[in-house]
All heavy atoms as atom14 arrays in JSON, in Angstrom:
{
  "sequence": "LAGKVPLTVRADRESDIVAALDLAAAERIKVVILGGAEAWRVA",
  "atom14_mask": [
    [1, 1, 1, 1, 1, 1, 1, 1, 0, 0, 0, 0, 0, 0],
    [1, 1, 1, 1, 1, 0, 0, 0, 0, 0, 0, 0, 0, 0],
    [1, 1, 1, 1, 0, 0, 0, 0, 0, 0, 0, 0, 0, 0],
    [1, 1, 1, 1, 1, 1, 1, 1, 1, 0, 0, 0, 0, 0],
    [1, 1, 1, 1, 1, 1, 1, 0, 0, 0, 0, 0, 0, 0],
    [1, 1, 1, 1, 1, 1, 1, 0, 0, 0, 0, 0, 0, 0],
    [1, 1, 1, 1, 1, 1, 1, 1, 0, 0, 0, 0, 0, 0],
    [1, 1, 1, 1, 1, 1, 1, 0, 0, 0, 0, 0, 0, 0],
    [1, 1, 1, 1, 1, 1, 1, 0, 0, 0, 0, 0, 0, 0],
    [1, 1, 1, 1, 1, 1, 1, 1, 1, 1, 1, 0, 0, 0],
    [1, 1, 1, 1, 1, 0, 0, 0, 0, 0, 0, 0, 0, 0],
    [1, 1, 1, 1, 1, 1, 1, 1, 0, 0, 0, 0, 0, 0],
    [1, 1, 1, 1, 1, 1, 1, 1, 1, 1, 1, 0, 0, 0],
    [1, 1, 1, 1, 1, 1, 1, 1, 1, 0, 0, 0, 0, 0],
    [1, 1, 1, 1, 1, 1, 0, 0, 0, 0, 0, 0, 0, 0],
    [1, 1, 1, 1, 1, 1, 1, 1, 0, 0, 0, 0, 0, 0],
    [1, 1, 1, 1, 1, 1, 1, 1, 0, 0, 0, 0, 0, 0],
    [1, 1, 1, 1, 1, 1, 1, 0, 0, 0, 0, 0, 0, 0],
    [1, 1, 1, 1, 1, 0, 0, 0, 0, 0, 0, 0, 0, 0],
    [1, 1, 1, 1, 1, 0, 0, 0, 0, 0, 0, 0, 0, 0],
    [1, 1, 1, 1, 1, 1, 1, 1, 0, 0, 0, 0, 0, 0],
    [1, 1, 1, 1, 1, 1, 1, 1, 0, 0, 0, 0, 0, 0],
    [1, 1, 1, 1, 1, 1, 1, 1, 0, 0, 0, 0, 0, 0],
    [1, 1, 1, 1, 1, 0, 0, 0, 0, 0, 0, 0, 0, 0],
    [1, 1, 1, 1, 1, 0, 0, 0, 0, 0, 0, 0, 0, 0],
    [1, 1, 1, 1, 1, 0, 0, 0, 0, 0, 0, 0, 0, 0],
    [1, 1, 1, 1, 1, 1, 1, 1, 1, 0, 0, 0, 0, 0],
    [1, 1, 1, 1, 1, 1, 1, 1, 1, 1, 1, 0, 0, 0],
    [1, 1, 1, 1, 1, 1, 1, 1, 0, 0, 0, 0, 0, 0],
    [1, 1, 1, 1, 1, 1, 1, 1, 1, 0, 0, 0, 0, 0],
    [1, 1, 1, 1, 1, 1, 1, 0, 0, 0, 0, 0, 0, 0],
    [1, 1, 1, 1, 1, 1, 1, 0, 0, 0, 0, 0, 0, 0],
    [1, 1, 1, 1, 1, 1, 1, 1, 0, 0, 0, 0, 0, 0],
    [1, 1, 1, 1, 1, 1, 1, 1, 0, 0, 0, 0, 0, 0],
    [1, 1, 1, 1, 0, 0, 0, 0, 0, 0, 0, 0, 0, 0],
    [1, 1, 1, 1, 0, 0, 0, 0, 0, 0, 0, 0, 0, 0],
    [1, 1, 1, 1, 1, 0, 0, 0, 0, 0, 0, 0, 0, 0],
    [1, 1, 1, 1, 1, 1, 1, 1, 1, 0, 0, 0, 0, 0],
    [1, 1, 1, 1, 1, 0, 0, 0, 0, 0, 0, 0, 0, 0],
    [1, 1, 1, 1, 1, 1, 1, 1, 1, 1, 1, 1, 1, 1],
    [1, 1, 1, 1, 1, 1, 1, 1, 1, 1, 1, 0, 0, 0],
    [1, 1, 1, 1, 1, 1, 1, 0, 0, 0, 0, 0, 0, 0],
    [1, 1, 1, 1, 1, 0, 0, 0, 0, 0, 0, 0, 0, 0]
  ],
  "atom14_positions": [
    [[-12.31, 6.7, 2.59], [-11.98, 8.0, 2.04], [-11.92, 9.11, 3.02], [-11.23, 10.06, 2.75], [-13.04, 8.34, 0.92], [-13.22, 7.4, -0.35], [-14.33, 7.64, -1.22], [-11.95, 7.36, -1.06], [0.0, 0.0, 0.0], [0.0, 0.0, 0.0], [0.0, 0.0, 0.0], [0.0, 0.0, 0.0], [0.0, 0.0, 0.0], [0.0, 0.0, 0.0]],
    [[-12.56, 8.98, 4.14], [-12.47, 9.95, 5.17], [-11.22, 9.79, 6.09], [-11.13, 10.61, 6.99], [-13.79, 9.95, 6.02], [0.0, 0.0, 0.0], [0.0, 0.0, 0.0], [0.0, 0.0, 0.0], [0.0, 0.0, 0.0], [0.0, 0.0, 0.0], [0.0, 0.0, 0.0], [0.0, 0.0, 0.0], [0.0, 0.0, 0.0], [0.0, 0.0, 0.0]],
    [[-10.47, 8.7, 5.81], [-9.31, 8.5, 6.57], [-9.55, 7.76, 7.87], [-8.74, 7.85, 8.76], [0.0, 0.0, 0.0], [0.0, 0.0, 0.0], [0.0, 0.0, 0.0], [0.0, 0.0, 0.0], [0.0, 0.0, 0.0], [0.0, 0.0, 0.0], [0.0, 0.0, 0.0], [0.0, 0.0, 0.0], [0.0, 0.0, 0.0], [0.0, 0.0, 0.0]],
    [[-10.73, 7.28, 8.05], [-11.13, 6.67, 9.39], [-10.64, 5.23, 9.55], [-10.45, 4.69, 10.67], [-12.65, 6.74, 9.57], [-13.13, 8.15, 9.71], [-14.67, 8.11, 9.88], [-15.27, 9.6, 10.0], [-16.68, 9.57, 10.2], [0.0, 0.0, 0.0], [0.0, 0.0, 0.0], [0.0, 0.0, 0.0], [0.0, 0.0, 0.0], [0.0, 0.0, 0.0]],
    [[-10.62, 4.52, 8.34], [-10.18, 3.13, 8.4], [-9.12, 2.84, 7.32], [-9.06, 3.8, 6.33], [-11.38, 2.12, 8.25], [-12.38, 2.29, 9.35], [-11.93, 2.33, 6.74], [0.0, 0.0, 0.0], [0.0, 0.0, 0.0], [0.0, 0.0, 0.0], [0.0, 0.0, 0.0], [0.0, 0.0, 0.0], [0.0, 0.0, 0.0], [0.0, 0.0, 0.0]],
    [[-8.36, 1.86, 7.36], [-7.32, 1.73, 6.24], [-7.87, 0.67, 5.2], [-8.74, 0.0, 5.37], [-6.2, 1.04, 7.04], [-6.88, 0.24, 8.12], [-8.06, 1.0, 8.57], [0.0, 0.0, 0.0], [0.0, 0.0, 0.0], [0.0, 0.0, 0.0], [0.0, 0.0, 0.0], [0.0, 0.0, 0.0], [0.0, 0.0, 0.0], [0.0, 0.0, 0.0]],
    [[-7.15, 0.8, 3.97], [-7.32, -0.31, 3.07], [-6.18, -1.27, 3.29], [-4.99, -0.91, 3.11], [-7.2, 0.43, 1.7], [-7.2, -0.59, 0.46], [-8.48, -1.28, 0.28], [-6.84, 0.14, -0.74], [0.0, 0.0, 0.0], [0.0, 0.0, 0.0], [0.0, 0.0, 0.0], [0.0, 0.0, 0.0], [0.0, 0.0, 0.0], [0.0, 0.0, 0.0]],
    [[-6.57, -2.44, 3.62], [-5.57, -3.56, 3.74], [-5.53, -4.27, 2.42], [-6.49, -4.98, 2.09], [-6.01, -4.49, 4.95], [-7.21, -5.14, 4.73], [-6.05, -3.67, 6.29], [0.0, 0.0, 0.0], [0.0, 0.0, 0.0], [0.0, 0.0, 0.0], [0.0, 0.0, 0.0], [0.0, 0.0, 0.0], [0.0, 0.0, 0.0], [0.0, 0.0, 0.0]],
    [[-4.4, -4.19, 1.63], [-4.34, -4.63, 0.35], [-3.27, -5.64, 0.27], [-2.15, -5.51, 0.69], [-4.15, -3.46, -0.56], [-2.87, -2.69, -0.21], [-4.16, -3.77, -2.12], [0.0, 0.0, 0.0], [0.0, 0.0, 0.0], [0.0, 0.0, 0.0], [0.0, 0.0, 0.0], [0.0, 0.0, 0.0], [0.0, 0.0, 0.0], [0.0, 0.0, 0.0]],
    [[-3.68, -6.78, -0.44], [-2.66, -7.81, -0.74], [-1.84, -7.4, -1.79], [-2.29, -7.21, -3.04], [-3.42, -9.25, -0.95], [-2.53, -10.33, -1.32], [-1.71, -10.72, 0.03], [-0.63, -11.67, -0.23], [-0.53, -12.78, 0.44], [-1.48, -13.23, 1.28], [0.45, -13.52, 0.17], [0.0, 0.0, 0.0], [0.0, 0.0, 0.0], [0.0, 0.0, 0.0]],
    [[-0.5, -7.39, -1.6], [0.47, -6.96, -2.62], [1.65, -7.5, -2.38], [2.32, -7.31, -1.2], [0.54, -5.39, -2.69], [0.0, 0.0, 0.0], [0.0, 0.0, 0.0], [0.0, 0.0, 0.0], [0.0, 0.0, 0.0], [0.0, 0.0, 0.0], [0.0, 0.0, 0.0], [0.0, 0.0, 0.0], [0.0, 0.0, 0.0], [0.0, 0.0, 0.0]],
    [[2.38, -8.23, -3.25], [3.6, -8.86, -2.96], [4.69, -8.43, -3.88], [5.91, -8.16, -3.44], [3.58, -10.41, -3.27], [2.81, -11.18, -2.18], [3.23, -11.08, -0.93], [1.78, -11.85, -2.3], [0.0, 0.0, 0.0], [0.0, 0.0, 0.0], [0.0, 0.0, 0.0], [0.0, 0.0, 0.0], [0.0, 0.0, 0.0], [0.0, 0.0, 0.0]],
    [[4.45, -8.09, -5.18], [5.49, -7.65, -6.02], [5.9, -6.25, -5.71], [5.08, -5.33, -5.36], [4.95, -7.73, -7.48], [6.17, -7.8, -8.46], [5.79, -8.28, -9.93], [5.21, -7.08, -10.68], [5.15, -7.14, -12.02], [5.31, -8.28, -12.61], [4.73, -6.11, -12.72], [0.0, 0.0, 0.0], [0.0, 0.0, 0.0], [0.0, 0.0, 0.0]],
    [[7.21, -5.85, -5.96], [7.59, -4.51, -5.63], [6.85, -3.47, -6.26], [6.49, -2.39, -5.71], [9.09, -4.49, -5.96], [9.63, -3.08, -5.75], [11.01, -2.97, -6.27], [11.71, -3.94, -6.85], [11.66, -1.72, -6.14], [0.0, 0.0, 0.0], [0.0, 0.0, 0.0], [0.0, 0.0, 0.0], [0.0, 0.0, 0.0], [0.0, 0.0, 0.0]],
    [[6.53, -3.63, -7.58], [5.77, -2.61, -8.25], [4.33, -2.44, -7.66], [3.88, -1.33, -7.82], [5.69, -2.99, -9.73], [5.0, -4.28, -9.94], [0.0, 0.0, 0.0], [0.0, 0.0, 0.0], [0.0, 0.0, 0.0], [0.0, 0.0, 0.0], [0.0, 0.0, 0.0], [0.0, 0.0, 0.0], [0.0, 0.0, 0.0], [0.0, 0.0, 0.0]],
    [[3.67, -3.61, -7.3], [2.38, -3.43, -6.82], [2.44, -2.59, -5.41], [1.56, -1.77, -5.13], [1.78, -4.75, -6.55], [1.5, -5.5, -7.81], [1.22, -4.81, -8.87], [1.38, -6.75, -7.78], [0.0, 0.0, 0.0], [0.0, 0.0, 0.0], [0.0, 0.0, 0.0], [0.0, 0.0, 0.0], [0.0, 0.0, 0.0], [0.0, 0.0, 0.0]],
    [[3.41, -2.91, -4.6], [3.62, -2.17, -3.38], [3.91, -0.69, -3.58], [3.23, 0.24, -2.96], [4.81, -2.81, -2.53], [4.49, -4.29, -2.13], [5.06, -1.93, -1.23], [5.47, -5.05, -1.57], [0.0, 0.0, 0.0], [0.0, 0.0, 0.0], [0.0, 0.0, 0.0], [0.0, 0.0, 0.0], [0.0, 0.0, 0.0], [0.0, 0.0, 0.0]],
    [[4.79, -0.34, -4.54], [4.9, 1.12, -4.87], [3.71, 1.76, -5.43], [3.24, 2.88, -5.13], [6.02, 1.16, -5.95], [6.13, 2.6, -6.5], [7.4, 0.74, -5.27], [0.0, 0.0, 0.0], [0.0, 0.0, 0.0], [0.0, 0.0, 0.0], [0.0, 0.0, 0.0], [0.0, 0.0, 0.0], [0.0, 0.0, 0.0], [0.0, 0.0, 0.0]],
    [[2.92, 0.98, -6.21], [1.6, 1.49, -6.64], [0.75, 1.78, -5.55], [-0.12, 2.79, -5.62], [0.98, 0.5, -7.66], [0.0, 0.0, 0.0], [0.0, 0.0, 0.0], [0.0, 0.0, 0.0], [0.0, 0.0, 0.0], [0.0, 0.0, 0.0], [0.0, 0.0, 0.0], [0.0, 0.0, 0.0], [0.0, 0.0, 0.0], [0.0, 0.0, 0.0]],
    [[0.6, 0.91, -4.57], [-0.14, 1.11, -3.4], [0.16, 2.33, -2.56], [-0.72, 3.14, -2.18], [-0.15, -0.09, -2.49], [0.0, 0.0, 0.0], [0.0, 0.0, 0.0], [0.0, 0.0, 0.0], [0.0, 0.0, 0.0], [0.0, 0.0, 0.0], [0.0, 0.0, 0.0], [0.0, 0.0, 0.0], [0.0, 0.0, 0.0], [0.0, 0.0, 0.0]],
    [[1.53, 2.59, -2.47], [1.89, 3.82, -1.8], [1.53, 5.06, -2.56], [1.16, 5.99, -2.02], [3.47, 3.77, -1.71], [4.0, 2.65, -0.72], [5.52, 2.63, -0.79], [3.56, 2.91, 0.68], [0.0, 0.0, 0.0], [0.0, 0.0, 0.0], [0.0, 0.0, 0.0], [0.0, 0.0, 0.0], [0.0, 0.0, 0.0], [0.0, 0.0, 0.0]],
    [[1.78, 5.01, -3.9], [1.4, 6.17, -4.69], [-0.06, 6.45, -4.64], [-0.59, 7.6, -4.62], [1.83, 5.91, -6.16], [3.42, 5.85, -6.3], [4.04, 6.43, -5.31], [3.9, 5.36, -7.28], [0.0, 0.0, 0.0], [0.0, 0.0, 0.0], [0.0, 0.0, 0.0], [0.0, 0.0, 0.0], [0.0, 0.0, 0.0], [0.0, 0.0, 0.0]],
    [[-0.89, 5.27, -4.67], [-2.44, 5.47, -4.69], [-2.83, 6.08, -3.3], [-3.69, 6.96, -3.28], [-2.97, 4.17, -4.88], [-4.55, 4.19, -4.85], [-5.19, 4.75, -6.08], [-5.1, 2.64, -4.5], [0.0, 0.0, 0.0], [0.0, 0.0, 0.0], [0.0, 0.0, 0.0], [0.0, 0.0, 0.0], [0.0, 0.0, 0.0], [0.0, 0.0, 0.0]],
    [[-2.26, 5.58, -2.24], [-2.44, 6.18, -0.82], [-2.26, 7.66, -0.74], [-3.0, 8.48, -0.21], [-1.82, 5.36, 0.22], [0.0, 0.0, 0.0], [0.0, 0.0, 0.0], [0.0, 0.0, 0.0], [0.0, 0.0, 0.0], [0.0, 0.0, 0.0], [0.0, 0.0, 0.0], [0.0, 0.0, 0.0], [0.0, 0.0, 0.0], [0.0, 0.0, 0.0]],
    [[-1.1, 8.08, -1.34], [-0.65, 9.42, -1.34], [-1.64, 10.29, -2.18], [-2.13, 11.39, -1.77], [0.72, 9.61, -1.79], [0.0, 0.0, 0.0], [0.0, 0.0, 0.0], [0.0, 0.0, 0.0], [0.0, 0.0, 0.0], [0.0, 0.0, 0.0], [0.0, 0.0, 0.0], [0.0, 0.0, 0.0], [0.0, 0.0, 0.0], [0.0, 0.0, 0.0]],
    [[-1.97, 9.83, -3.33], [-2.85, 10.51, -4.31], [-4.3, 10.62, -3.82], [-4.89, 11.69, -3.91], [-2.87, 9.89, -5.64], [0.0, 0.0, 0.0], [0.0, 0.0, 0.0], [0.0, 0.0, 0.0], [0.0, 0.0, 0.0], [0.0, 0.0, 0.0], [0.0, 0.0, 0.0], [0.0, 0.0, 0.0], [0.0, 0.0, 0.0], [0.0, 0.0, 0.0]],
    [[-4.84, 9.62, -3.15], [-6.17, 9.62, -2.66], [-6.27, 9.97, -1.19], [-7.4, 10.01, -0.77], [-6.71, 8.08, -2.87], [-6.75, 7.66, -4.34], [-7.78, 8.35, -5.23], [-8.73, 8.95, -4.53], [-7.77, 8.25, -6.46], [0.0, 0.0, 0.0], [0.0, 0.0, 0.0], [0.0, 0.0, 0.0], [0.0, 0.0, 0.0], [0.0, 0.0, 0.0]],
    [[-5.1, 10.21, -0.52], [-5.22, 10.58, 0.83], [-5.94, 9.57, 1.61], [-6.8, 9.85, 2.46], [-5.82, 11.97, 1.02], [-4.92, 13.12, 0.39], [-5.44, 14.37, 0.61], [-4.65, 15.48, -0.09], [-4.9, 16.78, 0.06], [-5.92, 17.17, 0.74], [-4.15, 17.61, -0.52], [0.0, 0.0, 0.0], [0.0, 0.0, 0.0], [0.0, 0.0, 0.0]],
    [[-5.56, 8.3, 1.49], [-6.16, 7.16, 2.26], [-5.06, 6.48, 2.97], [-3.81, 6.52, 2.69], [-7.05, 6.16, 1.4], [-6.12, 5.51, 0.33], [-8.17, 6.87, 0.66], [-6.68, 4.41, -0.5], [0.0, 0.0, 0.0], [0.0, 0.0, 0.0], [0.0, 0.0, 0.0], [0.0, 0.0, 0.0], [0.0, 0.0, 0.0], [0.0, 0.0, 0.0]],
    [[-5.44, 5.71, 4.14], [-4.39, 4.89, 4.8], [-4.36, 3.61, 4.07], [-5.39, 3.03, 3.61], [-4.96, 4.68, 6.23], [-5.04, 5.97, 7.06], [-5.56, 5.56, 8.46], [-5.82, 6.84, 9.29], [-6.49, 6.53, 10.6], [0.0, 0.0, 0.0], [0.0, 0.0, 0.0], [0.0, 0.0, 0.0], [0.0, 0.0, 0.0], [0.0, 0.0, 0.0]],
    [[-3.14, 3.06, 4.01], [-3.08, 1.67, 3.4], [-2.18, 0.84, 4.26], [-1.25, 1.22, 4.96], [-2.45, 1.81, 1.94], [-1.1, 2.43, 2.02], [-2.55, 0.56, 1.2], [0.0, 0.0, 0.0], [0.0, 0.0, 0.0], [0.0, 0.0, 0.0], [0.0, 0.0, 0.0], [0.0, 0.0, 0.0], [0.0, 0.0, 0.0], [0.0, 0.0, 0.0]],
    [[-2.52, -0.55, 4.26], [-1.68, -1.45, 4.92], [-1.3, -2.52, 3.95], [-2.26, -3.04, 3.28], [-2.45, -2.13, 6.18], [-1.66, -3.22, 6.71], [-2.76, -1.09, 7.2], [0.0, 0.0, 0.0], [0.0, 0.0, 0.0], [0.0, 0.0, 0.0], [0.0, 0.0, 0.0], [0.0, 0.0, 0.0], [0.0, 0.0, 0.0], [0.0, 0.0, 0.0]],
    [[-0.01, -2.9, 3.85], [0.28, -3.94, 2.86], [0.28, -5.27, 3.49], [0.82, -5.57, 4.47], [1.82, -3.7, 2.52], [1.96, -2.22, 1.81], [2.23, -4.77, 1.34], [1.11, -2.01, 0.58], [0.0, 0.0, 0.0], [0.0, 0.0, 0.0], [0.0, 0.0, 0.0], [0.0, 0.0, 0.0], [0.0, 0.0, 0.0], [0.0, 0.0, 0.0]],
    [[-0.47, -6.25, 2.85], [-0.61, -7.66, 3.29], [0.33, -8.54, 2.43], [0.27, -8.35, 1.21], [-1.93, -8.1, 3.24], [-3.0, -7.33, 4.17], [-4.45, -7.94, 3.87], [-2.73, -7.46, 5.64], [0.0, 0.0, 0.0], [0.0, 0.0, 0.0], [0.0, 0.0, 0.0], [0.0, 0.0, 0.0], [0.0, 0.0, 0.0], [0.0, 0.0, 0.0]],
    [[1.01, -9.41, 2.91], [1.91, -10.28, 2.18], [3.28, -9.74, 2.13], [4.26, -10.11, 2.61], [0.0, 0.0, 0.0], [0.0, 0.0, 0.0], [0.0, 0.0, 0.0], [0.0, 0.0, 0.0], [0.0, 0.0, 0.0], [0.0, 0.0, 0.0], [0.0, 0.0, 0.0], [0.0, 0.0, 0.0], [0.0, 0.0, 0.0], [0.0, 0.0, 0.0]],
    [[3.44, -8.69, 1.23], [4.63, -7.9, 1.09], [5.9, -8.7, 0.94], [7.0, -8.4, 1.53], [0.0, 0.0, 0.0], [0.0, 0.0, 0.0], [0.0, 0.0, 0.0], [0.0, 0.0, 0.0], [0.0, 0.0, 0.0], [0.0, 0.0, 0.0], [0.0, 0.0, 0.0], [0.0, 0.0, 0.0], [0.0, 0.0, 0.0], [0.0, 0.0, 0.0]],
    [[5.81, -9.73, -0.03], [7.01, -10.56, -0.2], [8.25, -9.76, -0.6], [9.3, -10.1, -0.25], [6.64, -11.69, -1.2], [0.0, 0.0, 0.0], [0.0, 0.0, 0.0], [0.0, 0.0, 0.0], [0.0, 0.0, 0.0], [0.0, 0.0, 0.0], [0.0, 0.0, 0.0], [0.0, 0.0, 0.0], [0.0, 0.0, 0.0], [0.0, 0.0, 0.0]],
    [[8.03, -8.72, -1.45], [9.07, -7.82, -1.91], [9.17, -6.53, -1.17], [9.95, -5.66, -1.78], [9.13, -7.87, -3.34], [9.29, -9.15, -4.1], [9.33, -9.01, -5.63], [9.01, -7.91, -6.15], [9.75, -9.98, -6.3], [0.0, 0.0, 0.0], [0.0, 0.0, 0.0], [0.0, 0.0, 0.0], [0.0, 0.0, 0.0], [0.0, 0.0, 0.0]],
    [[8.52, -6.35, -0.18], [8.43, -5.01, 0.55], [9.82, -4.6, 1.07], [10.06, -3.38, 1.05], [7.5, -5.15, 1.68], [0.0, 0.0, 0.0], [0.0, 0.0, 0.0], [0.0, 0.0, 0.0], [0.0, 0.0, 0.0], [0.0, 0.0, 0.0], [0.0, 0.0, 0.0], [0.0, 0.0, 0.0], [0.0, 0.0, 0.0], [0.0, 0.0, 0.0]],
    [[10.68, -5.59, 1.38], [12.08, -5.19, 1.83], [12.79, -4.42, 0.79], [13.77, -3.58, 1.12], [12.83, -6.38, 2.14], [13.01, -7.47, 1.04], [12.13, -8.44, 0.67], [14.06, -7.5, 0.13], [12.66, -9.13, -0.45], [13.88, -8.56, -0.67], [15.34, -6.61, -0.03], [14.84, -8.88, -1.8], [16.13, -6.98, -0.99], [15.88, -8.08, -1.92]],
    [[12.47, -4.46, -0.43], [13.09, -3.75, -1.52], [12.79, -2.3, -1.42], [13.58, -1.42, -1.99], [12.86, -4.37, -2.86], [13.34, -5.69, -3.14], [13.1, -6.35, -4.45], [13.88, -7.44, -4.82], [13.63, -8.29, -5.82], [12.48, -8.11, -6.48], [14.4, -9.23, -5.95], [0.0, 0.0, 0.0], [0.0, 0.0, 0.0], [0.0, 0.0, 0.0]],
    [[11.66, -2.01, -0.87], [11.21, -0.54, -0.79], [11.05, -0.16, 0.69], [10.16, 0.64, 1.1], [10.03, -0.18, -1.59], [10.29, -0.27, -3.12], [8.91, -1.26, -1.21], [0.0, 0.0, 0.0], [0.0, 0.0, 0.0], [0.0, 0.0, 0.0], [0.0, 0.0, 0.0], [0.0, 0.0, 0.0], [0.0, 0.0, 0.0], [0.0, 0.0, 0.0]],
    [[11.86, -0.76, 1.57], [11.7, -0.61, 3.08], [11.76, 0.88, 3.35], [11.15, 1.27, 4.3], [12.76, -1.43, 3.81], [0.0, 0.0, 0.0], [0.0, 0.0, 0.0], [0.0, 0.0, 0.0], [0.0, 0.0, 0.0], [0.0, 0.0, 0.0], [0.0, 0.0, 0.0], [0.0, 0.0, 0.0], [0.0, 0.0, 0.0], [0.0, 0.0, 0.0]]
  ]
}
């Protein structure tokens, strides 16, 4: 929560990746996507 370390989150579906991005922006945290099978769709 202090922005010192990231949340490395497993997310493959496009909607889950978008949700992770929105959560990171709202909570002001760092996020890293693991897996990211459909990440290319929101590159």
